[in-house]
Each structure stands twice: as C-alpha cells, then as structure tokens.
Protein backbone atom coordinates (compact mmCIF):
# COMPACT_ATOMS: atom_id res chain seq x y z
CA MET A 1 0.00 0.00 0.00
CA GLY A 2 2.84 2.43 0.85
CA GLU A 3 4.55 1.67 -2.44
CA ILE A 4 1.50 2.92 -4.36
CA PHE A 5 1.59 6.22 -2.49
CA LEU A 6 5.31 6.64 -3.18
CA LYS A 7 4.77 6.09 -6.91
CA ALA A 8 1.82 8.49 -6.91
CA PHE A 9 3.85 11.12 -5.04
CA GLU A 10 6.77 10.68 -7.46
CA SER A 11 4.47 11.16 -10.43
CA LEU A 12 2.82 14.14 -8.77
CA TRP A 13 6.03 16.09 -8.25
CA GLN A 14 7.16 15.37 -11.83
CA VAL A 15 3.90 16.78 -13.19
CA LEU A 16 4.20 19.76 -10.83
CA VAL A 17 7.73 20.59 -11.98
CA ALA A 18 6.77 20.25 -15.66
CA GLY A 19 3.73 22.44 -15.08
CA ILE A 20 5.77 25.15 -13.41
CA ILE A 21 8.41 25.12 -16.13
CA LEU A 22 6.00 25.07 -19.06
CA GLY A 23 3.12 26.93 -17.45
CA ALA A 24 5.03 29.83 -15.92
CA GLY A 25 8.58 29.45 -17.20
CA LEU A 26 8.01 29.86 -20.92
CA PRO A 27 5.70 32.87 -20.58
CA ALA A 28 8.25 34.44 -18.21
CA LEU A 29 11.03 33.92 -20.78
CA PHE A 30 8.84 35.47 -23.46
CA ALA A 31 8.12 38.46 -21.21
CA LEU A 32 11.83 38.92 -20.52
CA GLY A 33 12.42 38.84 -24.28
CA ILE A 34 9.84 41.58 -24.80
CA LYS A 35 11.43 43.62 -22.01
CA ALA A 36 14.93 43.17 -23.46
CA LEU A 37 13.69 44.15 -26.90
CA GLY A 38 12.37 47.45 -25.55
CA SER A 39 15.46 48.45 -23.56
CA GLY A 40 17.05 51.75 -24.47
CA ARG A 41 14.05 53.01 -26.46
CA THR A 42 12.51 56.44 -26.17
CA LEU A 43 8.81 56.57 -25.45
CA ALA A 44 6.81 59.72 -26.09
CA ALA A 45 3.31 60.48 -24.86
CA ASP A 46 1.45 63.70 -24.11
CA GLY A 47 4.44 65.89 -24.94
CA ALA A 48 6.76 64.08 -22.50
CA SER A 49 9.45 61.59 -23.45
CA TYR A 50 11.01 58.81 -21.44
CA THR A 51 14.00 56.65 -22.34
CA THR A 52 13.90 53.15 -20.91
CA PRO A 53 17.08 52.04 -19.16
CA THR A 54 19.51 49.98 -21.19
CA THR A 55 19.85 46.49 -19.75
CA GLY A 56 22.67 45.26 -21.94
CA ALA A 57 20.63 42.35 -23.26
CA GLY A 58 18.96 44.22 -26.08
CA ARG A 59 18.23 42.56 -29.38
CA ALA A 60 20.65 39.63 -28.94
CA GLY A 61 19.16 38.65 -25.59
CA SER A 62 15.61 38.87 -26.86
CA THR A 63 16.53 36.76 -29.89
CA VAL A 64 17.92 34.04 -27.64
CA LEU A 65 14.87 34.11 -25.36
CA PHE A 66 12.45 34.00 -28.31
CA GLY A 67 14.47 31.15 -29.79
CA VAL A 68 14.13 29.12 -26.60
CA CYS A 69 10.37 29.71 -26.60
CA ALA A 70 10.07 28.73 -30.28
CA ALA A 71 12.17 25.59 -29.72
CA ALA A 72 9.93 24.55 -26.81
CA VAL A 73 6.81 25.04 -28.93
CA LEU A 74 8.29 23.07 -31.83
CA PHE A 75 9.35 20.29 -29.46
CA GLY A 76 5.81 20.12 -28.12
CA ILE A 77 4.39 19.85 -31.62
CA VAL A 78 6.86 17.07 -32.49
CA VAL A 79 5.90 15.16 -29.33
CA ILE A 80 2.20 15.51 -30.12
CA VAL A 81 2.57 14.42 -33.75
CA PHE A 82 5.27 11.75 -33.42
CA GLY A 83 4.95 10.85 -29.72
CA SER A 84 3.97 7.23 -30.21
CA GLN A 85 6.87 6.67 -32.61
CA LEU A 86 9.36 8.37 -30.30
CA PHE A 87 8.24 6.89 -26.98
CA GLY A 88 6.50 3.70 -28.02
CA LYS A 89 2.87 2.80 -27.62
C-alpha cells in the first residue's frame, strides 16, 4: 500500500515541476524577451518623453529568449505528432 503512495507522489512532483516550467517558465522567458527588446528606447506620450534604461541584453538577448520559446513550442508539436513513434505505444 505504501509503495503505491510513493509512486503516486513521485508522479505528482514530476507533473508539478513540468507544469511550473511550461506553465510559468516559458511565458516568463517570453516576457523577458519583450522587455529586453524594448530596452534603451525612447517613449513619447502627451508631450513628455522617457528613455527606458539599457539592460545590456537588447536585441541579442531577446533573440535568444524568443528562440528558446520557439524551440519549446516546436518540441511540443513534435511530441504531439510523433509521440507514439518516439516513446512507443
């Protein structure tokens, strides 16, 4: 009986970690990419202008972050389409 609970708990934490990474991690990376893309730009509204602080990441950092997000999405599509061939039935 205890062995069943251990297996269930092991499966539960694996699903939890995957959910945190994919559910909050990828959107957070995308948001950081958007923020890096906008660093050092001048915004103007109502006659006032504001220059966002330069973070150093800029376009190269946002490209890397967007690439990671795109790779994760493509990997998910491959798993959905070819999952049974990759992992067996």
